[in-house]
Amino acid sequence: VLDLRKLGVRNVKDMVFLDGYFEPTVLFLHEREPTWAGQLAQLRDSFSVTAVSLNLPQQQYQTIWSLDDLPYNAHSLLPMPHPVEGALVLCSNTLIHVSQSAYYAMATNDFVELDSGDALDVAPPPSRVCVTLDGAHAALLTEKRVLLSLREGDVYLVDVHFDGRQVRRFDMNKIGASVRCA
């Protein structure tokens, strides 16, 4: 049994197992201090990710890395396979790759300035992309390709460009549309 309070993990929004670690490793997307849109003037970057290594034979666990100050509207994680590793964090206006060594964040529209403080360095959105990721679902196709299904029914292909284990950029292209899910 994990006592997440001892690790400083509260208000868990999502969790995934990470690839490429010797022991089972879980990444938690959690909110340090709950916030809402009316409180954004005081607290915007309230989410964190924390990677916890599980030593099952000895029944021990420890935090191996974490990243704080993610946007308040982060909502889901998608684990990335070797060689990229880490995970994608889907936020309403930002797509973020996090890993033990670095992060890369790209805005998906111009509203990112309203919901993200100065904590993250966010690349501007591509000129042909203006989408919101609220209610979006992501699926991994290959280690370099992610399929995004937006709540409006649009389907985007995200190409992940990386150098070694570090993501350098995302390319997003609309590849179709489907019927909205109810």
N, C-alpha and C. Protein backbone atom coordinates (compact mmCIF):
# COMPACT_ATOMS: atom_id res chain seq x y z
N VAL A 1 0.85 -1.17 0.00
CA VAL A 1 0.00 0.00 0.00
C VAL A 1 0.89 1.24 0.00
N LEU A 2 0.62 2.16 -0.93
CA LEU A 2 1.38 3.41 -0.99
C LEU A 2 0.69 4.47 -0.15
N ASP A 3 1.44 5.11 0.71
CA ASP A 3 0.92 6.26 1.44
C ASP A 3 1.36 7.51 0.68
N LEU A 4 0.51 7.95 -0.22
CA LEU A 4 0.86 9.07 -1.09
C LEU A 4 1.06 10.37 -0.32
N ARG A 5 0.44 10.48 0.83
CA ARG A 5 0.62 11.70 1.63
C ARG A 5 2.07 11.88 2.06
N LYS A 6 2.76 10.76 2.34
CA LYS A 6 4.17 10.84 2.72
C LYS A 6 5.03 11.35 1.58
N LEU A 7 4.57 11.15 0.35
CA LEU A 7 5.31 11.60 -0.83
C LEU A 7 4.88 13.00 -1.27
N GLY A 8 3.91 13.58 -0.58
CA GLY A 8 3.42 14.91 -0.96
C GLY A 8 2.47 14.87 -2.14
N VAL A 9 1.89 13.71 -2.41
CA VAL A 9 0.96 13.54 -3.53
C VAL A 9 -0.46 13.53 -2.99
N ARG A 10 -1.25 14.52 -3.43
CA ARG A 10 -2.66 14.62 -3.05
C ARG A 10 -3.45 14.99 -4.29
N ASN A 11 -4.72 14.79 -4.26
CA ASN A 11 -5.62 15.19 -5.34
C ASN A 11 -5.15 14.62 -6.69
N VAL A 12 -5.03 13.30 -6.75
CA VAL A 12 -4.54 12.63 -7.96
C VAL A 12 -5.59 12.72 -9.06
N LYS A 13 -5.17 13.20 -10.22
CA LYS A 13 -6.06 13.32 -11.38
C LYS A 13 -5.88 12.15 -12.34
N ASP A 14 -4.65 11.66 -12.50
CA ASP A 14 -4.37 10.55 -13.40
C ASP A 14 -3.06 9.89 -12.96
N MET A 15 -2.87 8.64 -13.39
CA MET A 15 -1.63 7.93 -13.10
C MET A 15 -1.38 6.91 -14.20
N VAL A 16 -0.09 6.70 -14.52
CA VAL A 16 0.31 5.73 -15.54
C VAL A 16 1.62 5.07 -15.11
N PHE A 17 1.87 3.87 -15.63
CA PHE A 17 3.16 3.23 -15.45
C PHE A 17 4.08 3.70 -16.56
N LEU A 18 5.34 3.97 -16.21
CA LEU A 18 6.32 4.47 -17.16
C LEU A 18 7.18 3.34 -17.71
N ASP A 19 7.64 3.52 -18.93
CA ASP A 19 8.49 2.55 -19.61
C ASP A 19 9.96 2.92 -19.40
N GLY A 20 10.83 1.92 -19.40
CA GLY A 20 12.26 2.17 -19.39
C GLY A 20 12.93 2.23 -18.04
N TYR A 21 12.26 1.83 -16.98
CA TYR A 21 12.85 1.83 -15.65
C TYR A 21 13.06 0.41 -15.18
N PHE A 22 14.08 0.20 -14.34
CA PHE A 22 14.41 -1.13 -13.84
C PHE A 22 13.28 -1.69 -12.98
N GLU A 23 12.74 -0.86 -12.09
CA GLU A 23 11.63 -1.27 -11.24
C GLU A 23 10.34 -0.65 -11.75
N PRO A 24 9.19 -1.22 -11.41
CA PRO A 24 7.93 -0.58 -11.81
C PRO A 24 7.89 0.85 -11.30
N THR A 25 7.55 1.77 -12.20
CA THR A 25 7.54 3.19 -11.86
C THR A 25 6.20 3.79 -12.28
N VAL A 26 5.57 4.47 -11.34
CA VAL A 26 4.26 5.08 -11.57
C VAL A 26 4.43 6.59 -11.61
N LEU A 27 3.79 7.23 -12.59
CA LEU A 27 3.79 8.68 -12.67
C LEU A 27 2.40 9.17 -12.28
N PHE A 28 2.36 10.06 -11.29
CA PHE A 28 1.09 10.62 -10.81
C PHE A 28 0.96 12.05 -11.31
N LEU A 29 -0.21 12.38 -11.84
CA LEU A 29 -0.57 13.77 -12.14
C LEU A 29 -1.47 14.20 -10.99
N HIS A 30 -1.01 15.17 -10.23
CA HIS A 30 -1.75 15.55 -9.03
C HIS A 30 -1.70 17.06 -8.83
N GLU A 31 -2.67 17.53 -8.07
CA GLU A 31 -2.77 18.95 -7.78
C GLU A 31 -2.33 19.20 -6.34
N ARG A 32 -1.30 20.04 -6.20
CA ARG A 32 -0.77 20.34 -4.86
C ARG A 32 -1.81 21.08 -4.03
N GLU A 33 -2.40 22.08 -4.62
CA GLU A 33 -3.42 22.88 -3.95
C GLU A 33 -4.55 23.12 -4.94
N PRO A 34 -5.74 22.62 -4.65
CA PRO A 34 -6.84 22.77 -5.60
C PRO A 34 -7.12 24.23 -5.94
N THR A 35 -7.41 24.48 -7.20
CA THR A 35 -7.75 25.83 -7.64
C THR A 35 -8.89 25.75 -8.64
N TRP A 36 -9.39 26.88 -9.03
CA TRP A 36 -10.46 26.97 -10.02
C TRP A 36 -10.30 28.28 -10.77
N ALA A 37 -11.07 28.47 -11.82
CA ALA A 37 -10.90 29.61 -12.72
C ALA A 37 -11.00 30.96 -11.99
N GLY A 38 -11.83 31.06 -10.98
CA GLY A 38 -11.98 32.32 -10.24
C GLY A 38 -10.79 32.67 -9.36
N GLN A 39 -9.89 31.74 -9.16
CA GLN A 39 -8.73 31.96 -8.30
C GLN A 39 -7.43 32.07 -9.09
N LEU A 40 -7.51 32.19 -10.40
CA LEU A 40 -6.31 32.16 -11.23
C LEU A 40 -5.37 33.34 -10.99
N ALA A 41 -5.87 34.44 -10.49
CA ALA A 41 -4.99 35.57 -10.21
C ALA A 41 -3.99 35.22 -9.10
N GLN A 42 -4.37 34.33 -8.19
CA GLN A 42 -3.49 33.94 -7.09
C GLN A 42 -2.75 32.63 -7.36
N LEU A 43 -3.37 31.70 -8.06
CA LEU A 43 -2.79 30.37 -8.22
C LEU A 43 -3.17 29.79 -9.57
N ARG A 44 -2.17 29.70 -10.46
CA ARG A 44 -2.44 29.15 -11.80
C ARG A 44 -1.79 27.79 -12.01
N ASP A 45 -0.56 27.68 -11.64
CA ASP A 45 0.22 26.48 -11.94
C ASP A 45 0.20 25.54 -10.74
N SER A 46 -0.93 24.85 -10.57
CA SER A 46 -1.14 24.07 -9.35
C SER A 46 -0.88 22.58 -9.51
N PHE A 47 -0.66 22.10 -10.72
CA PHE A 47 -0.45 20.67 -10.93
C PHE A 47 1.02 20.30 -10.92
N SER A 48 1.28 19.04 -10.59
CA SER A 48 2.63 18.48 -10.57
C SER A 48 2.56 17.06 -11.12
N VAL A 49 3.71 16.56 -11.54
CA VAL A 49 3.85 15.14 -11.82
C VAL A 49 4.95 14.61 -10.91
N THR A 50 4.72 13.41 -10.38
CA THR A 50 5.68 12.79 -9.48
C THR A 50 5.84 11.33 -9.89
N ALA A 51 7.09 10.93 -10.16
CA ALA A 51 7.40 9.55 -10.53
C ALA A 51 7.85 8.80 -9.28
N VAL A 52 7.21 7.67 -9.02
CA VAL A 52 7.49 6.88 -7.82
C VAL A 52 7.93 5.48 -8.25
N SER A 53 9.11 5.08 -7.79
CA SER A 53 9.65 3.75 -8.07
C SER A 53 9.16 2.78 -7.00
N LEU A 54 8.69 1.61 -7.44
CA LEU A 54 8.15 0.61 -6.52
C LEU A 54 9.11 -0.58 -6.42
N ASN A 55 9.67 -0.79 -5.26
CA ASN A 55 10.51 -1.95 -5.01
C ASN A 55 9.61 -3.00 -4.37
N LEU A 56 9.07 -3.89 -5.20
CA LEU A 56 8.07 -4.84 -4.73
C LEU A 56 8.61 -5.90 -3.77
N PRO A 57 9.79 -6.48 -4.00
CA PRO A 57 10.27 -7.50 -3.05
C PRO A 57 10.47 -6.95 -1.64
N GLN A 58 10.96 -5.72 -1.54
CA GLN A 58 11.20 -5.14 -0.22
C GLN A 58 10.03 -4.29 0.26
N GLN A 59 9.00 -4.18 -0.54
CA GLN A 59 7.81 -3.40 -0.22
C GLN A 59 8.17 -1.97 0.17
N GLN A 60 9.01 -1.34 -0.66
CA GLN A 60 9.41 0.05 -0.44
C GLN A 60 9.12 0.84 -1.70
N TYR A 61 9.02 2.14 -1.53
CA TYR A 61 8.80 3.03 -2.66
C TYR A 61 9.48 4.36 -2.38
N GLN A 62 9.85 5.03 -3.46
CA GLN A 62 10.50 6.33 -3.29
C GLN A 62 10.25 7.19 -4.53
N THR A 63 10.24 8.49 -4.31
CA THR A 63 10.12 9.44 -5.41
C THR A 63 11.46 9.51 -6.13
N ILE A 64 11.44 9.36 -7.46
CA ILE A 64 12.70 9.45 -8.20
C ILE A 64 12.81 10.76 -8.98
N TRP A 65 11.69 11.37 -9.35
CA TRP A 65 11.72 12.70 -9.96
C TRP A 65 10.33 13.30 -9.93
N SER A 66 10.30 14.62 -10.04
CA SER A 66 9.01 15.32 -10.09
C SER A 66 9.18 16.63 -10.84
N LEU A 67 8.07 17.17 -11.28
CA LEU A 67 8.04 18.47 -11.95
C LEU A 67 6.81 19.20 -11.46
N ASP A 68 7.03 20.40 -10.94
CA ASP A 68 5.94 21.22 -10.40
C ASP A 68 5.55 22.30 -11.41
N ASP A 69 4.54 23.06 -11.03
CA ASP A 69 4.10 24.26 -11.75
C ASP A 69 3.56 23.96 -13.15
N LEU A 70 2.80 22.88 -13.27
CA LEU A 70 2.09 22.60 -14.51
C LEU A 70 0.75 23.34 -14.48
N PRO A 71 0.16 23.65 -15.63
CA PRO A 71 -1.09 24.42 -15.65
C PRO A 71 -2.22 23.76 -14.86
N TYR A 72 -3.09 24.60 -14.33
CA TYR A 72 -4.20 24.14 -13.48
C TYR A 72 -5.19 23.27 -14.24
N ASN A 73 -5.18 23.31 -15.57
CA ASN A 73 -6.17 22.54 -16.33
C ASN A 73 -5.57 21.28 -16.96
N ALA A 74 -4.49 20.78 -16.38
CA ALA A 74 -3.94 19.49 -16.82
C ALA A 74 -4.96 18.41 -16.49
N HIS A 75 -5.14 17.45 -17.41
CA HIS A 75 -6.20 16.48 -17.15
C HIS A 75 -5.83 15.02 -17.40
N SER A 76 -4.79 14.74 -18.18
CA SER A 76 -4.49 13.33 -18.39
C SER A 76 -3.03 13.11 -18.81
N LEU A 77 -2.61 11.86 -18.67
CA LEU A 77 -1.24 11.45 -18.99
C LEU A 77 -1.28 10.36 -20.06
N LEU A 78 -0.23 10.33 -20.89
CA LEU A 78 -0.03 9.25 -21.85
C LEU A 78 1.43 8.83 -21.76
N PRO A 79 1.70 7.59 -21.29
CA PRO A 79 3.10 7.16 -21.18
C PRO A 79 3.73 6.99 -22.55
N MET A 80 4.99 7.37 -22.67
CA MET A 80 5.73 7.25 -23.93
C MET A 80 6.71 6.09 -23.81
N PRO A 81 6.89 5.32 -24.90
CA PRO A 81 7.79 4.17 -24.85
C PRO A 81 9.25 4.56 -25.09
N HIS A 82 10.12 3.59 -24.95
CA HIS A 82 11.53 3.76 -25.27
C HIS A 82 11.65 4.10 -26.76
N PRO A 83 12.45 5.00 -27.23
CA PRO A 83 13.53 5.70 -26.53
C PRO A 83 13.12 7.03 -25.90
N VAL A 84 11.93 7.54 -26.18
CA VAL A 84 11.54 8.86 -25.65
C VAL A 84 11.32 8.79 -24.15
N GLU A 85 10.52 7.84 -23.70
CA GLU A 85 10.18 7.64 -22.29
C GLU A 85 9.46 8.84 -21.71
N GLY A 86 9.20 8.83 -20.43
CA GLY A 86 8.43 9.89 -19.81
C GLY A 86 6.97 9.77 -20.19
N ALA A 87 6.27 10.91 -20.25
CA ALA A 87 4.84 10.91 -20.56
C ALA A 87 4.43 12.24 -21.17
N LEU A 88 3.32 12.20 -21.89
CA LEU A 88 2.70 13.43 -22.37
C LEU A 88 1.65 13.84 -21.35
N VAL A 89 1.60 15.13 -21.05
CA VAL A 89 0.59 15.69 -20.17
C VAL A 89 -0.33 16.52 -21.05
N LEU A 90 -1.62 16.18 -21.06
CA LEU A 90 -2.59 16.94 -21.82
C LEU A 90 -3.22 17.98 -20.90
N CYS A 91 -3.12 19.24 -21.31
CA CYS A 91 -3.76 20.35 -20.62
C CYS A 91 -4.73 20.99 -21.62
N SER A 92 -5.59 21.86 -21.17
CA SER A 92 -6.56 22.46 -22.08
C SER A 92 -5.91 23.18 -23.25
N ASN A 93 -4.84 23.90 -23.00
CA ASN A 93 -4.22 24.73 -24.03
C ASN A 93 -2.76 24.41 -24.28
N THR A 94 -2.27 23.31 -23.71
CA THR A 94 -0.86 22.98 -23.79
C THR A 94 -0.67 21.47 -23.89
N LEU A 95 0.31 21.06 -24.68
CA LEU A 95 0.75 19.67 -24.75
C LEU A 95 2.17 19.65 -24.21
N ILE A 96 2.41 18.84 -23.16
CA ILE A 96 3.70 18.86 -22.47
C ILE A 96 4.27 17.45 -22.42
N HIS A 97 5.55 17.31 -22.77
CA HIS A 97 6.26 16.06 -22.56
C HIS A 97 7.12 16.24 -21.31
N VAL A 98 6.99 15.33 -20.37
CA VAL A 98 7.79 15.37 -19.14
C VAL A 98 8.60 14.09 -19.04
N SER A 99 9.82 14.22 -18.53
CA SER A 99 10.66 13.05 -18.29
C SER A 99 11.59 13.36 -17.13
N GLN A 100 12.41 12.40 -16.79
CA GLN A 100 13.32 12.58 -15.67
C GLN A 100 14.35 13.67 -15.95
N SER A 101 14.73 13.84 -17.20
CA SER A 101 15.81 14.77 -17.51
C SER A 101 15.35 16.13 -18.02
N ALA A 102 14.15 16.24 -18.59
CA ALA A 102 13.75 17.51 -19.19
C ALA A 102 12.24 17.53 -19.45
N TYR A 103 11.77 18.67 -19.94
CA TYR A 103 10.38 18.76 -20.39
C TYR A 103 10.35 19.61 -21.65
N TYR A 104 9.28 19.46 -22.41
CA TYR A 104 9.03 20.30 -23.58
C TYR A 104 7.55 20.60 -23.60
N ALA A 105 7.19 21.88 -23.76
CA ALA A 105 5.79 22.29 -23.76
C ALA A 105 5.49 23.09 -25.01
N MET A 106 4.33 22.78 -25.63
CA MET A 106 3.88 23.52 -26.82
C MET A 106 2.43 23.94 -26.62
N ALA A 107 2.17 25.20 -26.88
CA ALA A 107 0.81 25.71 -26.81
C ALA A 107 0.02 25.16 -27.99
N THR A 108 -1.27 24.93 -27.79
CA THR A 108 -2.12 24.48 -28.89
C THR A 108 -3.08 25.58 -29.35
N ASN A 109 -3.02 26.72 -28.68
CA ASN A 109 -3.81 27.89 -29.07
C ASN A 109 -3.24 29.11 -28.36
N ASP A 110 -3.85 30.27 -28.58
CA ASP A 110 -3.33 31.51 -28.00
C ASP A 110 -3.81 31.77 -26.58
N PHE A 111 -4.65 30.90 -26.03
CA PHE A 111 -5.16 31.10 -24.68
C PHE A 111 -4.19 30.63 -23.60
N VAL A 112 -3.08 30.06 -24.00
CA VAL A 112 -2.13 29.50 -23.04
C VAL A 112 -1.62 30.57 -22.07
N GLU A 113 -1.53 31.80 -22.51
CA GLU A 113 -1.04 32.87 -21.64
C GLU A 113 -2.00 33.16 -20.50
N LEU A 114 -3.28 32.86 -20.68
CA LEU A 114 -4.26 33.12 -19.64
C LEU A 114 -4.21 32.10 -18.51
N ASP A 115 -3.82 30.86 -18.83
CA ASP A 115 -3.89 29.84 -17.79
C ASP A 115 -2.53 29.30 -17.37
N SER A 116 -1.46 29.85 -17.88
CA SER A 116 -0.14 29.38 -17.47
C SER A 116 0.69 30.58 -17.03
N GLY A 117 1.34 30.43 -15.91
CA GLY A 117 2.19 31.51 -15.41
C GLY A 117 3.53 31.50 -16.12
N ASP A 118 4.54 32.01 -15.46
CA ASP A 118 5.87 32.09 -16.04
C ASP A 118 6.74 30.89 -15.69
N ALA A 119 6.18 29.89 -15.03
CA ALA A 119 6.97 28.76 -14.57
C ALA A 119 7.48 27.88 -15.71
N LEU A 120 6.66 27.69 -16.74
CA LEU A 120 7.04 26.83 -17.86
C LEU A 120 7.41 27.67 -19.08
N ASP A 121 8.42 27.21 -19.78
CA ASP A 121 8.78 27.80 -21.06
C ASP A 121 7.95 27.07 -22.12
N VAL A 122 6.97 27.76 -22.73
CA VAL A 122 6.03 27.14 -23.65
C VAL A 122 6.28 27.66 -25.06
N ALA A 123 6.49 26.73 -25.99
CA ALA A 123 6.66 27.10 -27.40
C ALA A 123 5.32 27.59 -27.94
N PRO A 124 5.33 28.56 -28.86
CA PRO A 124 4.06 29.07 -29.41
C PRO A 124 3.37 28.00 -30.25
N PRO A 125 2.06 28.15 -30.44
CA PRO A 125 1.35 27.16 -31.25
C PRO A 125 1.75 27.27 -32.71
N PRO A 126 1.74 26.14 -33.43
CA PRO A 126 1.99 26.21 -34.87
C PRO A 126 0.92 27.08 -35.53
N SER A 127 1.28 27.74 -36.60
CA SER A 127 0.35 28.69 -37.23
C SER A 127 -0.93 28.02 -37.73
N ARG A 128 -0.89 26.76 -38.10
CA ARG A 128 -2.07 26.10 -38.64
C ARG A 128 -2.91 25.38 -37.58
N VAL A 129 -2.49 25.46 -36.31
CA VAL A 129 -3.19 24.75 -35.25
C VAL A 129 -3.78 25.74 -34.25
N CYS A 130 -5.06 25.58 -33.98
CA CYS A 130 -5.73 26.34 -32.94
C CYS A 130 -6.82 25.44 -32.37
N VAL A 131 -6.43 24.63 -31.40
CA VAL A 131 -7.35 23.66 -30.81
C VAL A 131 -7.28 23.74 -29.29
N THR A 132 -8.32 23.28 -28.66
CA THR A 132 -8.31 23.13 -27.22
C THR A 132 -8.36 21.64 -26.91
N LEU A 133 -7.63 21.23 -25.90
CA LEU A 133 -7.51 19.81 -25.57
C LEU A 133 -8.41 19.40 -24.41
N ASP A 134 -9.36 20.26 -24.03
CA ASP A 134 -10.35 19.88 -23.02
C ASP A 134 -11.11 18.66 -23.51
N GLY A 135 -11.13 17.62 -22.72
CA GLY A 135 -11.87 16.42 -23.09
C GLY A 135 -11.21 15.61 -24.19
N ALA A 136 -9.98 15.92 -24.56
CA ALA A 136 -9.28 15.16 -25.60
C ALA A 136 -8.78 13.84 -25.05
N HIS A 137 -8.68 12.86 -25.94
CA HIS A 137 -8.12 11.56 -25.60
C HIS A 137 -6.94 11.30 -26.51
N ALA A 138 -5.89 10.71 -25.97
CA ALA A 138 -4.68 10.44 -26.74
C ALA A 138 -4.42 8.94 -26.77
N ALA A 139 -3.91 8.49 -27.92
CA ALA A 139 -3.53 7.08 -28.08
C ALA A 139 -2.18 7.03 -28.78
N LEU A 140 -1.33 6.17 -28.33
CA LEU A 140 0.00 6.02 -28.89
C LEU A 140 -0.07 5.09 -30.10
N LEU A 141 0.42 5.56 -31.25
CA LEU A 141 0.46 4.72 -32.45
C LEU A 141 1.83 4.07 -32.61
N THR A 142 2.89 4.87 -32.51
CA THR A 142 4.27 4.38 -32.50
C THR A 142 5.02 5.23 -31.47
N GLU A 143 6.33 4.97 -31.32
CA GLU A 143 7.08 5.79 -30.35
C GLU A 143 7.19 7.24 -30.80
N LYS A 144 6.87 7.53 -32.07
CA LYS A 144 6.98 8.88 -32.60
C LYS A 144 5.64 9.50 -32.98
N ARG A 145 4.56 8.76 -32.82
CA ARG A 145 3.26 9.26 -33.28
C ARG A 145 2.18 9.03 -32.23
N VAL A 146 1.38 10.09 -32.04
CA VAL A 146 0.27 10.06 -31.10
C VAL A 146 -0.98 10.51 -31.84
N LEU A 147 -2.08 9.83 -31.61
CA LEU A 147 -3.36 10.20 -32.18
C LEU A 147 -4.17 10.92 -31.13
N LEU A 148 -4.62 12.13 -31.44
CA LEU A 148 -5.45 12.92 -30.53
C LEU A 148 -6.86 12.99 -31.07
N SER A 149 -7.82 12.63 -30.26
CA SER A 149 -9.23 12.76 -30.61
C SER A 149 -9.82 13.85 -29.73
N LEU A 150 -10.26 14.93 -30.34
CA LEU A 150 -10.78 16.07 -29.59
C LEU A 150 -12.27 15.90 -29.32
N ARG A 151 -12.77 16.62 -28.35
CA ARG A 151 -14.17 16.46 -27.97
C ARG A 151 -15.12 16.90 -29.07
N GLU A 152 -14.67 17.77 -29.99
CA GLU A 152 -15.51 18.21 -31.09
C GLU A 152 -15.60 17.17 -32.20
N GLY A 153 -14.75 16.14 -32.13
CA GLY A 153 -14.74 15.10 -33.14
C GLY A 153 -13.55 15.17 -34.08
N ASP A 154 -12.77 16.25 -34.03
CA ASP A 154 -11.58 16.35 -34.88
C ASP A 154 -10.51 15.37 -34.42
N VAL A 155 -9.78 14.85 -35.38
CA VAL A 155 -8.72 13.89 -35.09
C VAL A 155 -7.40 14.47 -35.61
N TYR A 156 -6.40 14.52 -34.72
CA TYR A 156 -5.09 15.07 -35.05
C TYR A 156 -4.02 14.01 -34.88
N LEU A 157 -3.03 14.07 -35.75
CA LEU A 157 -1.85 13.24 -35.64
C LEU A 157 -0.73 14.12 -35.11
N VAL A 158 -0.10 13.71 -34.02
CA VAL A 158 1.00 14.46 -33.43
C VAL A 158 2.29 13.67 -33.67
N ASP A 159 3.20 14.28 -34.41
CA ASP A 159 4.52 13.69 -34.61
C ASP A 159 5.46 14.24 -33.56
N VAL A 160 6.11 13.34 -32.83
CA VAL A 160 7.02 13.72 -31.76
C VAL A 160 8.45 13.67 -32.33
N HIS A 161 9.12 14.80 -32.32
CA HIS A 161 10.50 14.88 -32.80
C HIS A 161 11.41 14.95 -31.59
N PHE A 162 12.37 14.04 -31.52
CA PHE A 162 13.24 13.99 -30.35
C PHE A 162 14.68 13.78 -30.77
N ASP A 163 15.55 14.15 -29.85
CA ASP A 163 16.99 14.00 -30.03
C ASP A 163 17.47 13.16 -28.85
N GLY A 164 17.74 11.90 -29.10
CA GLY A 164 18.07 11.01 -28.00
C GLY A 164 16.81 10.71 -27.21
N ARG A 165 16.77 11.18 -25.96
CA ARG A 165 15.59 10.98 -25.12
C ARG A 165 14.84 12.28 -24.87
N GLN A 166 15.28 13.37 -25.48
CA GLN A 166 14.68 14.67 -25.22
C GLN A 166 13.82 15.11 -26.40
N VAL A 167 12.57 15.47 -26.13
CA VAL A 167 11.66 15.95 -27.16
C VAL A 167 12.05 17.37 -27.55
N ARG A 168 12.14 17.61 -28.84
CA ARG A 168 12.52 18.92 -29.37
C ARG A 168 11.34 19.71 -29.92
N ARG A 169 10.32 18.99 -30.46
CA ARG A 169 9.13 19.69 -30.97
C ARG A 169 8.03 18.69 -31.27
N PHE A 170 6.81 19.22 -31.40
CA PHE A 170 5.64 18.46 -31.83
C PHE A 170 5.15 19.06 -33.14
N ASP A 171 4.71 18.22 -34.05
CA ASP A 171 3.99 18.66 -35.24
C ASP A 171 2.59 18.10 -35.15
N MET A 172 1.59 18.99 -35.27
CA MET A 172 0.19 18.57 -35.20
C MET A 172 -0.47 18.79 -36.55
N ASN A 173 -1.11 17.75 -37.07
CA ASN A 173 -1.82 17.86 -38.34
C ASN A 173 -3.19 17.22 -38.21
N LYS A 174 -4.20 17.94 -38.66
CA LYS A 174 -5.56 17.40 -38.65
C LYS A 174 -5.64 16.35 -39.75
N ILE A 175 -6.10 15.16 -39.39
CA ILE A 175 -6.19 14.08 -40.37
C ILE A 175 -7.62 13.65 -40.65
N GLY A 176 -8.56 14.21 -39.91
CA GLY A 176 -9.95 13.83 -40.15
C GLY A 176 -10.87 14.33 -39.06
N ALA A 177 -12.09 13.88 -39.16
CA ALA A 177 -13.09 14.23 -38.17
C ALA A 177 -14.01 13.03 -38.00
N SER A 178 -14.62 12.94 -36.86
CA SER A 178 -15.53 11.85 -36.58
C SER A 178 -16.76 12.40 -35.88
N VAL A 179 -17.67 11.52 -35.60
CA VAL A 179 -18.86 11.92 -34.88
C VAL A 179 -18.50 12.15 -33.42
N ARG A 180 -19.03 13.21 -32.84
CA ARG A 180 -18.75 13.49 -31.43
C ARG A 180 -19.29 12.38 -30.54
N CYS A 181 -18.53 12.05 -29.53
CA CYS A 181 -18.99 11.07 -28.55
C CYS A 181 -19.96 11.73 -27.59
N ALA A 182 -20.96 11.01 -27.17
CA ALA A 182 -21.94 11.58 -26.24
C ALA A 182 -21.49 11.43 -24.82
